[in-house]
C-alpha atoms as a PDB file:
ATOM      1  CA  MET A   1     -11.284 -11.203  20.409  1.00  0.00           C
ATOM      2  CA  LEU A   2      -8.048 -11.867  18.510  1.00  0.00           C
ATOM      3  CA  SER A   3     -10.007 -12.310  15.286  1.00  0.00           C
ATOM      4  CA  VAL A   4     -11.605  -8.895  15.840  1.00  0.00           C
ATOM      5  CA  TRP A   5      -8.176  -7.285  16.147  1.00  0.00           C
ATOM      6  CA  PHE A   6      -6.993  -9.067  12.992  1.00  0.00           C
ATOM      7  CA  ARG A   7     -10.084  -7.689  11.284  1.00  0.00           C
ATOM      8  CA  VAL A   8      -9.511  -4.085  12.362  1.00  0.00           C
ATOM      9  CA  ILE A   9      -5.808  -4.298  11.424  1.00  0.00           C
ATOM     10  CA  ARG A  10      -6.876  -5.599   7.981  1.00  0.00           C
ATOM     11  CA  VAL A  11      -4.291  -8.374   7.989  1.00  0.00           C
ATOM     12  CA  ARG A  12      -4.732  -9.360   4.354  1.00  0.00           C
ATOM     13  CA  PHE A  13      -3.881  -5.833   3.204  1.00  0.00           C
ATOM     14  CA  LEU A  14      -0.552  -6.043   5.040  1.00  0.00           C
ATOM     15  CA  LEU A  15       0.704  -8.148   2.132  1.00  0.00           C
ATOM     16  CA  ALA A  16       1.403  -4.926   0.230  1.00  0.00           C
ATOM     17  CA  SER A  17       4.092  -4.025   2.756  1.00  0.00           C
ATOM     18  CA  VAL A  18       5.423  -7.597   2.816  1.00  0.00           C
ATOM     19  CA  ILE A  19       5.883  -7.421  -0.971  1.00  0.00           C
ATOM     20  CA  ALA A  20       7.598  -4.008  -0.738  1.00  0.00           C
ATOM     21  CA  VAL A  21      10.094  -5.173   1.897  1.00  0.00           C
ATOM     22  CA  SER A  22      10.668  -8.426   0.008  1.00  0.00           C
ATOM     23  CA  LEU A  23      11.479  -6.507  -3.159  1.00  0.00           C
ATOM     24  CA  GLY A  24      14.083  -4.409  -1.357  1.00  0.00           C
ATOM     25  CA  LEU A  25      15.685  -7.555   0.037  1.00  0.00           C
ATOM     26  CA  ALA A  26      15.461  -9.383  -3.310  1.00  0.00           C
ATOM     27  CA  LEU A  27      17.131  -6.461  -5.104  1.00  0.00           C
ATOM     28  CA  ASN A  28      20.002  -6.564  -2.639  1.00  0.00           C
ATOM     29  CA  TRP A  29      20.325 -10.323  -2.977  1.00  0.00           C
ATOM     30  CA  GLN A  30      20.419 -10.095  -6.762  1.00  0.00           C
ATOM     31  CA  GLN A  31      23.079  -7.397  -6.729  1.00  0.00           C
ATOM     32  CA  ASN A  32      25.178  -8.237  -3.663  1.00  0.00           C
ATOM     33  CA  PHE A  33      24.325 -11.872  -2.859  1.00  0.00           C
ATOM     34  CA  SER A  34      23.893 -10.995   0.801  1.00  0.00           C
ATOM     35  CA  ILE A  35      21.094 -10.674   3.332  1.00  0.00           C
ATOM     36  CA  ASP A  36      21.465  -9.686   6.976  1.00  0.00           C
ATOM     37  CA  PRO A  37      18.752 -11.895   8.521  1.00  0.00           C
ATOM     38  CA  PHE A  38      18.527  -9.942  11.802  1.00  0.00           C
ATOM     39  CA  ASP A  39      18.055  -6.638   9.991  1.00  0.00           C
ATOM     40  CA  ALA A  40      15.626  -8.252   7.552  1.00  0.00           C
ATOM     41  CA  ILE A  41      13.400  -9.500  10.375  1.00  0.00           C
ATOM     42  CA  LEU A  42      13.507  -6.095  12.047  1.00  0.00           C
ATOM     43  CA  ILE A  43      12.592  -4.358   8.779  1.00  0.00           C
ATOM     44  CA  PHE A  44       9.566  -6.603   8.343  1.00  0.00           C
ATOM     45  CA  ALA A  45       8.509  -6.034  11.964  1.00  0.00           C
ATOM     46  CA  GLY A  46       8.929  -2.269  11.785  1.00  0.00           C
ATOM     47  CA  VAL A  47       7.175  -1.825   8.448  1.00  0.00           C
ATOM     48  CA  LEU A  48       4.263  -4.092   9.402  1.00  0.00           C
ATOM     49  CA  ALA A  49       3.858  -2.225  12.703  1.00  0.00           C
ATOM     50  CA  LEU A  50       3.681   1.096  10.856  1.00  0.00           C
ATOM     51  CA  HIS A  51       1.238  -0.338   8.318  1.00  0.00           C
ATOM     52  CA  ALA A  52      -0.995  -1.672  11.097  1.00  0.00           C
ATOM     53  CA  SER A  53      -0.835   1.744  12.745  1.00  0.00           C
ATOM     54  CA  VAL A  54      -2.150   3.637   9.730  1.00  0.00           C
ATOM     55  CA  ASP A  55      -5.010   1.143   9.281  1.00  0.00           C
ATOM     56  CA  LEU A  56      -6.019   1.337  12.955  1.00  0.00           C
ATOM     57  CA  LEU A  57      -5.903   5.127  13.052  1.00  0.00           C
ATOM     58  CA  ASN A  58      -7.826   5.269   9.778  1.00  0.00           C
ATOM     59  CA  ASP A  59     -10.590   3.093  11.231  1.00  0.00           C
ATOM     60  CA  TYR A  60     -10.714   5.291  14.347  1.00  0.00           C
ATOM     61  CA  TRP A  61     -10.954   8.579  12.472  1.00  0.00           C
ATOM     62  CA  ASP A  62     -13.464   7.265   9.922  1.00  0.00           C
ATOM     63  CA  PHE A  63     -15.704   6.231  12.806  1.00  0.00           C
ATOM     64  CA  LYS A  64     -15.242   9.479  14.718  1.00  0.00           C
ATOM     65  CA  ARG A  65     -16.079  11.505  11.613  1.00  0.00           C
ATOM     66  CA  GLY A  66     -19.175   9.419  10.944  1.00  0.00           C
ATOM     67  CA  ILE A  67     -17.930   8.095   7.611  1.00  0.00           C
ATOM     68  CA  ASP A  68     -18.137   4.405   8.495  1.00  0.00           C
ATOM     69  CA  THR A  69     -21.751   4.775   9.645  1.00  0.00           C
ATOM     70  CA  LYS A  70     -22.753   6.141   6.227  1.00  0.00           C
ATOM     71  CA  THR A  71     -20.972   3.655   3.992  1.00  0.00           C
ATOM     72  CA  LYS A  72     -22.191   0.289   2.779  1.00  0.00           C
ATOM     73  CA  ARG A  73     -19.546  -2.119   3.982  1.00  0.00           C
ATOM     74  CA  THR A  74     -18.231  -4.807   1.647  1.00  0.00           C
ATOM     75  CA  LYS A  75     -15.303  -7.189   2.023  1.00  0.00           C
ATOM     76  CA  MET A  76     -13.225  -4.677   0.073  1.00  0.00           C
ATOM     77  CA  SER A  77     -14.517  -1.271   1.175  1.00  0.00           C
ATOM     78  CA  GLY A  78     -16.474   0.715   3.755  1.00  0.00           C
ATOM     79  CA  GLY A  79     -14.092   0.160   6.661  1.00  0.00           C
ATOM     80  CA  THR A  80     -13.780  -2.910   8.846  1.00  0.00           C
ATOM     81  CA  GLY A  81     -17.106  -2.398  10.643  1.00  0.00           C
ATOM     82  CA  VAL A  82     -15.516  -3.204  13.998  1.00  0.00           C
ATOM     83  CA  LEU A  83     -16.310   0.159  15.598  1.00  0.00           C
ATOM     84  CA  PRO A  84     -19.821   0.654  14.151  1.00  0.00           C
ATOM     85  CA  GLU A  85     -20.688  -2.842  15.393  1.00  0.00           C
ATOM     86  CA  GLY A  86     -19.359  -2.034  18.858  1.00  0.00           C
ATOM     87  CA  LEU A  87     -16.876  -4.907  18.859  1.00  0.00           C
ATOM     88  CA  LEU A  88     -14.098  -2.661  20.191  1.00  0.00           C
ATOM     89  CA  LYS A  89     -13.988   0.709  21.910  1.00  0.00           C
ATOM     90  CA  PRO A  90     -12.775   3.608  19.749  1.00  0.00           C
ATOM     91  CA  THR A  91     -10.199   4.565  22.384  1.00  0.00           C
ATOM     92  CA  SER A  92      -8.798   1.020  22.316  1.00  0.00           C
ATOM     93  CA  VAL A  93      -8.340   1.136  18.544  1.00  0.00           C
ATOM     94  CA  TYR A  94      -6.732   4.581  18.731  1.00  0.00           C
ATOM     95  CA  ARG A  95      -4.332   3.503  21.481  1.00  0.00           C
ATOM     96  CA  ALA A  96      -3.417   0.358  19.564  1.00  0.00           C
ATOM     97  CA  GLY A  97      -2.669   2.510  16.532  1.00  0.00           C
ATOM     98  CA  ILE A  98      -0.377   4.717  18.582  1.00  0.00           C
ATOM     99  CA  VAL A  99       1.335   1.678  20.147  1.00  0.00           C
ATOM    100  CA  PHE A 100       2.080   0.210  16.710  1.00  0.00           C
ATOM    101  CA  LEU A 101       3.321   3.632  15.573  1.00  0.00           C
ATOM    102  CA  ILE A 102       5.689   3.739  18.560  1.00  0.00           C
ATOM    103  CA  ILE A 103       6.913   0.175  17.915  1.00  0.00           C
ATOM    104  CA  GLY A 104       7.613   0.979  14.271  1.00  0.00           C
ATOM    105  CA  SER A 105       9.301   4.246  15.259  1.00  0.00           C
ATOM    106  CA  VAL A 106      11.560   2.550  17.818  1.00  0.00           C
ATOM    107  CA  ILE A 107      12.665  -0.055  15.268  1.00  0.00           C
ATOM    108  CA  GLY A 108      13.189   2.704  12.739  1.00  0.00           C
ATOM    109  CA  THR A 109      15.248   4.695  15.234  1.00  0.00           C
ATOM    110  CA  TYR A 110      17.528   1.692  15.659  1.00  0.00           C
ATOM    111  CA  PHE A 111      18.223   1.774  11.922  1.00  0.00           C
ATOM    112  CA  VAL A 112      18.764   5.532  12.029  1.00  0.00           C
ATOM    113  CA  ILE A 113      21.485   4.909  14.623  1.00  0.00           C
ATOM    114  CA  THR A 114      23.067   2.057  12.660  1.00  0.00           C
ATOM    115  CA  ASP A 115      22.562   3.294   9.098  1.00  0.00           C
ATOM    116  CA  GLY A 116      22.353   7.061   9.247  1.00  0.00           C
ATOM    117  CA  ILE A 117      20.328  10.080   8.208  1.00  0.00           C
ATOM    118  CA  ILE A 118      18.806   8.594   5.026  1.00  0.00           C
ATOM    119  CA  VAL A 119      16.802   6.168   7.157  1.00  0.00           C
ATOM    120  CA  GLY A 120      15.930   9.075   9.436  1.00  0.00           C
ATOM    121  CA  ILE A 121      14.399  11.016   6.544  1.00  0.00           C
ATOM    122  CA  ILE A 122      12.340   7.998   5.465  1.00  0.00           C
ATOM    123  CA  LEU A 123      11.250   7.334   9.052  1.00  0.00           C
ATOM    124  CA  GLY A 124      10.303  10.961   9.626  1.00  0.00           C
ATOM    125  CA  PHE A 125       8.133  10.941   6.510  1.00  0.00           C
ATOM    126  CA  ALA A 126       6.506   7.690   7.622  1.00  0.00           C
ATOM    127  CA  ILE A 127       5.662   8.875  11.147  1.00  0.00           C
ATOM    128  CA  LEU A 128       4.191  12.211  10.073  1.00  0.00           C
ATOM    129  CA  SER A 129       2.244  10.823   7.135  1.00  0.00           C
ATOM    130  CA  ILE A 130       0.832   7.909   9.130  1.00  0.00           C
ATOM    131  CA  TYR A 131      -0.413  10.108  11.957  1.00  0.00           C
ATOM    132  CA  PHE A 132      -1.946  12.696   9.638  1.00  0.00           C
ATOM    133  CA  TYR A 133      -3.075  10.308   6.872  1.00  0.00           C
ATOM    134  CA  SER A 134      -6.686   9.939   7.984  1.00  0.00           C
ATOM    135  CA  THR A 135      -7.202  13.662   8.529  1.00  0.00           C
ATOM    136  CA  LYS A 136      -4.950  16.059   6.641  1.00  0.00           C
ATOM    137  CA  ILE A 137      -3.690  13.834   3.821  1.00  0.00           C
ATOM    138  CA  VAL A 138      -6.969  12.254   2.691  1.00  0.00           C
ATOM    139  CA  ASP A 139      -8.757  15.572   3.101  1.00  0.00           C
ATOM    140  CA  SER A 140      -6.360  17.153   0.630  1.00  0.00           C
ATOM    141  CA  GLY A 141      -6.840  14.461  -2.005  1.00  0.00           C
ATOM    142  CA  LEU A 142      -3.354  13.022  -1.639  1.00  0.00           C
ATOM    143  CA  GLY A 143      -4.299   9.526  -0.466  1.00  0.00           C
ATOM    144  CA  GLU A 144      -3.288   7.703  -3.645  1.00  0.00           C
ATOM    145  CA  PHE A 145      -0.072   9.694  -3.920  1.00  0.00           C
ATOM    146  CA  PHE A 146       0.806   8.942  -0.292  1.00  0.00           C
ATOM    147  CA  VAL A 147       0.308   5.201  -0.761  1.00  0.00           C
ATOM    148  CA  ALA A 148       2.494   5.201  -3.881  1.00  0.00           C
ATOM    149  CA  VAL A 149       5.259   7.140  -2.124  1.00  0.00           C
ATOM    150  CA  LYS A 150       4.956   4.941   0.975  1.00  0.00           C
ATOM    151  CA  GLY A 151       5.410   1.767  -1.077  1.00  0.00           C
ATOM    152  CA  SER A 152       8.385   3.262  -2.909  1.00  0.00           C
ATOM    153  CA  MET A 153      10.070   4.338   0.326  1.00  0.00           C
ATOM    154  CA  ILE A 154       9.659   0.895   1.880  1.00  0.00           C
ATOM    155  CA  VAL A 155      11.525  -0.677  -1.039  1.00  0.00           C
ATOM    156  CA  ILE A 156      14.219   2.001  -1.034  1.00  0.00           C
ATOM    157  CA  GLY A 157      14.589   1.845   2.761  1.00  0.00           C
ATOM    158  CA  ALA A 158      14.815  -1.943   2.926  1.00  0.00           C
ATOM    159  CA  TYR A 159      17.383  -1.974   0.136  1.00  0.00           C
ATOM    160  CA  TYR A 160      19.393   0.856   1.687  1.00  0.00           C
ATOM    161  CA  ILE A 161      19.580  -0.798   5.116  1.00  0.00           C
ATOM    162  CA  GLN A 162      20.890  -3.981   3.524  1.00  0.00           C
ATOM    163  CA  SER A 163      23.247  -2.434   0.962  1.00  0.00           C
ATOM    164  CA  GLY A 164      24.138   1.017   2.297  1.00  0.00           C
ATOM    165  CA  GLN A 165      23.186   2.711  -0.957  1.00  0.00           C
ATOM    166  CA  ILE A 166      20.258   3.950  -3.027  1.00  0.00           C
ATOM    167  CA  THR A 167      20.281   2.832  -6.658  1.00  0.00           C
ATOM    168  CA  ILE A 168      18.124   3.547  -9.687  1.00  0.00           C
ATOM    169  CA  GLU A 169      16.961  -0.069  -9.483  1.00  0.00           C
ATOM    170  CA  SER A 170      15.586   0.423  -5.970  1.00  0.00           C
ATOM    171  CA  ILE A 171      13.860   3.660  -6.983  1.00  0.00           C
ATOM    172  CA  LEU A 172      12.247   2.178 -10.088  1.00  0.00           C
ATOM    173  CA  GLY A 173      11.326  -1.004  -8.219  1.00  0.00           C
ATOM    174  CA  GLY A 174       9.753   1.127  -5.511  1.00  0.00           C
ATOM    175  CA  ILE A 175       7.663   2.976  -8.076  1.00  0.00           C
ATOM    176  CA  VAL A 176       6.331  -0.325  -9.437  1.00  0.00           C
ATOM    177  CA  VAL A 177       5.041  -1.690  -6.127  1.00  0.00           C
ATOM    178  CA  GLY A 178       4.011   1.741  -4.843  1.00  0.00           C
ATOM    179  CA  VAL A 179       1.768   2.360  -7.847  1.00  0.00           C
ATOM    180  CA  LEU A 180       0.322  -1.153  -7.611  1.00  0.00           C
ATOM    181  CA  SER A 181      -0.666  -0.499  -3.989  1.00  0.00           C
ATOM    182  CA  SER A 182      -2.093   2.892  -4.912  1.00  0.00           C
ATOM    183  CA  LEU A 183      -4.304   1.207  -7.514  1.00  0.00           C
ATOM    184  CA  VAL A 184      -6.009  -0.854  -4.792  1.00  0.00           C
ATOM    185  CA  LEU A 185      -6.786   2.265  -2.745  1.00  0.00           C
ATOM    186  CA  PHE A 186      -8.049   3.982  -5.892  1.00  0.00           C
ATOM    187  CA  ILE A 187     -10.623   1.354  -6.868  1.00  0.00           C
ATOM    188  CA  THR A 188     -11.799   0.730  -3.296  1.00  0.00           C
ATOM    189  CA  SER A 189     -12.602   4.426  -2.925  1.00  0.00           C
ATOM    190  CA  PHE A 190     -15.404   4.230  -5.508  1.00  0.00           C
ATOM    191  CA  PRO A 191     -18.026   2.696  -3.150  1.00  0.00           C
ATOM    192  CA  ASP A 192     -17.115   5.193  -0.416  1.00  0.00           C
ATOM    193  CA  HIS A 193     -17.487   8.214  -2.714  1.00  0.00           C
ATOM    194  CA  ASP A 194     -20.738   9.599  -1.313  1.00  0.00           C
ATOM    195  CA  ALA A 195     -19.927   9.062   2.369  1.00  0.00           C
ATOM    196  CA  ASP A 196     -16.402  10.439   1.993  1.00  0.00           C
ATOM    197  CA  LYS A 197     -17.617  13.503   0.116  1.00  0.00           C
ATOM    198  CA  SER A 198     -20.349  14.264   2.644  1.00  0.00           C
ATOM    199  CA  LYS A 199     -17.792  14.360   5.455  1.00  0.00           C
ATOM    200  CA  GLY A 200     -15.226  16.517   3.692  1.00  0.00           C
ATOM    201  CA  ARG A 201     -12.866  13.754   2.646  1.00  0.00           C
ATOM    202  CA  LYS A 202     -11.332  14.043  -0.800  1.00  0.00           C
ATOM    203  CA  SER A 203     -10.016  11.389  -3.122  1.00  0.00           C
ATOM    204  CA  LEU A 204      -9.087  11.155  -6.776  1.00  0.00           C
ATOM    205  CA  VAL A 205     -12.523   9.682  -7.467  1.00  0.00           C
ATOM    206  CA  ILE A 206     -14.242  12.594  -5.716  1.00  0.00           C
ATOM    207  CA  ALA A 207     -12.017  15.143  -7.462  1.00  0.00           C
ATOM    208  CA  VAL A 208     -12.894  14.065 -11.025  1.00  0.00           C
ATOM    209  CA  GLY A 209     -16.152  12.140 -10.543  1.00  0.00           C
ATOM    210  CA  LYS A 210     -16.815   8.414 -10.729  1.00  0.00           C
ATOM    211  CA  GLU A 211     -17.252   8.104 -14.495  1.00  0.00           C
ATOM    212  CA  LYS A 212     -14.097  10.017 -15.431  1.00  0.00           C
ATOM    213  CA  ALA A 213     -12.154   8.342 -12.603  1.00  0.00           C
ATOM    214  CA  SER A 214     -13.062   4.894 -13.915  1.00  0.00           C
ATOM    215  CA  LYS A 215     -11.092   5.715 -17.073  1.00  0.00           C
ATOM    216  CA  LEU A 216      -8.045   6.693 -15.012  1.00  0.00           C
ATOM    217  CA  PHE A 217      -7.768   3.098 -13.762  1.00  0.00           C
ATOM    218  CA  TRP A 218      -5.533   2.143 -16.681  1.00  0.00           C
ATOM    219  CA  ILE A 219      -2.862   4.711 -15.799  1.00  0.00           C
ATOM    220  CA  PHE A 220      -1.782   2.805 -12.659  1.00  0.00           C
ATOM    221  CA  PRO A 221      -1.018  -0.647 -14.135  1.00  0.00           C
ATOM    222  CA  LEU A 222       0.346   0.818 -17.372  1.00  0.00           C
ATOM    223  CA  LEU A 223       2.793   2.946 -15.377  1.00  0.00           C
ATOM    224  CA  SER A 224       3.988  -0.104 -13.441  1.00  0.00           C
ATOM    225  CA  TYR A 225       4.320  -2.174 -16.616  1.00  0.00           C
ATOM    226  CA  CYS A 226       6.175   0.638 -18.420  1.00  0.00           C
ATOM    227  CA  VAL A 227       8.681   1.001 -15.564  1.00  0.00           C
ATOM    228  CA  ILE A 228       9.296  -2.758 -15.611  1.00  0.00           C
ATOM    229  CA  ILE A 229       9.786  -2.800 -19.391  1.00  0.00           C
ATOM    230  CA  ILE A 230      12.156   0.187 -19.206  1.00  0.00           C
ATOM    231  CA  GLY A 231      14.052  -1.534 -16.387  1.00  0.00           C
ATOM    232  CA  VAL A 232      14.454  -4.715 -18.423  1.00  0.00           C
ATOM    233  CA  SER A 233      15.397  -2.907 -21.646  1.00  0.00           C
ATOM    234  CA  THR A 234      18.145  -0.968 -19.824  1.00  0.00           C
ATOM    235  CA  ASN A 235      19.431  -4.089 -18.039  1.00  0.00           C
ATOM    236  CA  LEU A 236      18.432  -2.715 -14.636  1.00  0.00           C
ATOM    237  CA  PHE A 237      15.922  -5.532 -14.110  1.00  0.00           C
ATOM    238  CA  PRO A 238      16.348  -9.182 -15.133  1.00  0.00           C
ATOM    239  CA  VAL A 239      14.568 -10.264 -18.317  1.00  0.00           C
ATOM    240  CA  LEU A 240      12.464 -12.565 -16.158  1.00  0.00           C
ATOM    241  CA  SER A 241      10.742  -9.469 -14.742  1.00  0.00           C
ATOM    242  CA  LEU A 242       8.643  -9.534 -17.909  1.00  0.00           C
ATOM    243  CA  ILE A 243       6.811 -12.455 -16.305  1.00  0.00           C
ATOM    244  CA  THR A 244       4.683  -9.764 -14.643  1.00  0.00           C
ATOM    245  CA  LEU A 245       3.019  -9.205 -18.042  1.00  0.00           C
ATOM    246  CA  LEU A 246       1.176 -12.479 -17.450  1.00  0.00           C
ATOM    247  CA  THR A 247      -1.226 -10.527 -15.243  1.00  0.00           C
ATOM    248  CA  ILE A 248      -2.433  -8.344 -18.132  1.00  0.00           C
ATOM    249  CA  PRO A 249      -5.678 -10.359 -18.571  1.00  0.00           C
ATOM    250  CA  LEU A 250      -6.499  -9.841 -14.872  1.00  0.00           C
ATOM    251  CA  MET A 251      -5.779  -6.128 -15.238  1.00  0.00           C
ATOM    252  CA  ILE A 252      -8.076  -5.872 -18.285  1.00  0.00           C
ATOM    253  CA  LYS A 253     -10.855  -7.748 -16.499  1.00  0.00           C
ATOM    254  CA  SER A 254     -10.608  -5.390 -13.509  1.00  0.00           C
ATOM    255  CA  GLY A 255     -10.471  -2.199 -15.580  1.00  0.00           C
ATOM    256  CA  LEU A 256     -13.393  -3.109 -17.836  1.00  0.00           C
ATOM    257  CA  GLY A 257     -15.399  -4.254 -14.823  1.00  0.00           C
ATOM    258  CA  LEU A 258     -14.823  -0.922 -13.123  1.00  0.00           C
ATOM    259  CA  GLN A 259     -15.912   1.061 -16.173  1.00  0.00           C
ATOM    260  CA  LYS A 260     -19.159  -0.909 -16.406  1.00  0.00           C
ATOM    261  CA  ASN A 261     -19.965  -0.960 -12.678  1.00  0.00           C
ATOM    262  CA  PHE A 262     -18.398   2.175 -11.173  1.00  0.00           C
ATOM    263  CA  ASP A 263     -21.765   3.284  -9.800  1.00  0.00           C
ATOM    264  CA  SER A 264     -22.901  -0.075  -8.398  1.00  0.00           C
ATOM    265  CA  ILE A 265     -21.338  -1.128  -5.113  1.00  0.00           C
ATOM    266  CA  ASP A 266     -22.503  -4.756  -5.232  1.00  0.00           C
ATOM    267  CA  ASN A 267     -21.487  -5.297  -8.856  1.00  0.00           C
ATOM    268  CA  LEU A 268     -18.116  -3.648  -8.266  1.00  0.00           C
ATOM    269  CA  VAL A 269     -17.029  -5.970  -5.433  1.00  0.00           C
ATOM    270  CA  PRO A 270     -15.688  -8.773  -7.711  1.00  0.00           C
ATOM    271  CA  PHE A 271     -13.608  -6.252  -9.647  1.00  0.00           C
ATOM    272  CA  MET A 272     -12.214  -4.679  -6.496  1.00  0.00           C
ATOM    273  CA  SER A 273     -11.180  -8.195  -5.485  1.00  0.00           C
ATOM    274  CA  SER A 274      -9.630  -8.927  -8.884  1.00  0.00           C
ATOM    275  CA  THR A 275      -7.744  -5.617  -8.724  1.00  0.00           C
ATOM    276  CA  LEU A 276      -6.331  -6.590  -5.336  1.00  0.00           C
ATOM    277  CA  MET A 277      -5.367  -9.973  -6.778  1.00  0.00           C
ATOM    278  CA  PHE A 278      -3.784  -8.299  -9.822  1.00  0.00           C
ATOM    279  CA  SER A 279      -1.733  -5.985  -7.619  1.00  0.00           C
ATOM    280  CA  ARG A 280      -0.484  -8.736  -5.333  1.00  0.00           C
ATOM    281  CA  ILE A 281       0.252 -11.335  -8.028  1.00  0.00           C
ATOM    282  CA  THR A 282       2.123  -8.776 -10.126  1.00  0.00           C
ATOM    283  CA  GLY A 283       4.125  -7.734  -7.076  1.00  0.00           C
ATOM    284  CA  VAL A 284       4.979 -11.310  -6.098  1.00  0.00           C
ATOM    285  CA  LEU A 285       6.061 -12.175  -9.655  1.00  0.00           C
ATOM    286  CA  PHE A 286       8.199  -9.039  -9.729  1.00  0.00           C
ATOM    287  CA  VAL A 287       9.942 -10.021  -6.482  1.00  0.00           C
ATOM    288  CA  ALA A 288      10.412 -13.605  -7.708  1.00  0.00           C
ATOM    289  CA  SER A 289      12.059 -12.399 -10.900  1.00  0.00           C
ATOM    290  CA  PHE A 290      14.963 -10.956  -8.909  1.00  0.00           C
ATOM    291  CA  LEU A 291      15.421 -14.127  -6.885  1.00  0.00           C
ATOM    292  CA  ILE A 292      15.233 -16.485  -9.861  1.00  0.00           C
ATOM    293  CA  GLY A 293      16.623 -14.360 -12.694  1.00  0.00           C
ATOM    294  CA  LEU A 294      20.056 -13.765 -11.194  1.00  0.00           C
END
């Protein structure tokens, strides 16, 4: 049963939030040479709880709307399959999503009390966007934008709690990991295009069509790379941050693969996987550059 819950929470996708929190902490360490371990653990717990919440509620609403029963499930797309297979009750998944949302909110409220209104604004955005993500947000075509903003706010929030300030470095760093996370959502929405569209869901892929959307792939990694290069050239990021450019071949492989296979679910799976790998490796290298390149 535990493995089923891990599956519906999509544990491996939680790494995006781990990277975002780690970047906020690494930025603070690079600049202030300090980490509050108790706060750091609480930040990880709160952010992961909120991330689990949005995934659980997304699975619930996709099932209730009949989207998951119309998609072809792969290891990268089409939902977790837990509810269509009857492995858990929909009400159980919904309640678990709400419980994780409450846990994350309680931890966030603690930081609002200790660190002030800035955390409150970030927390308020998180709670509202998580609860309405699978209905209002994705139906308005703002899914990719939400994920990018969410990633950015995690970095900024983690850094702010540790340092008591918001800097240009934390904002730019947040943009890098936020856009990298958004890229994963973008490419994994290609196989779900038909099912999502039939049920009124909107995504960037639906808005412009699969073929045109496949050419938009390059915007995401190029934006992240450009922000990193600008950060290094203005001495906001350590020179070692350029190590992230080592993932360019993986980015090219993923982008070309998408353009050739955007209309074939089975053929697209390896390139969805390589995009996920590109996003995570780039993020990890970016975090490492602040810990090593002091």
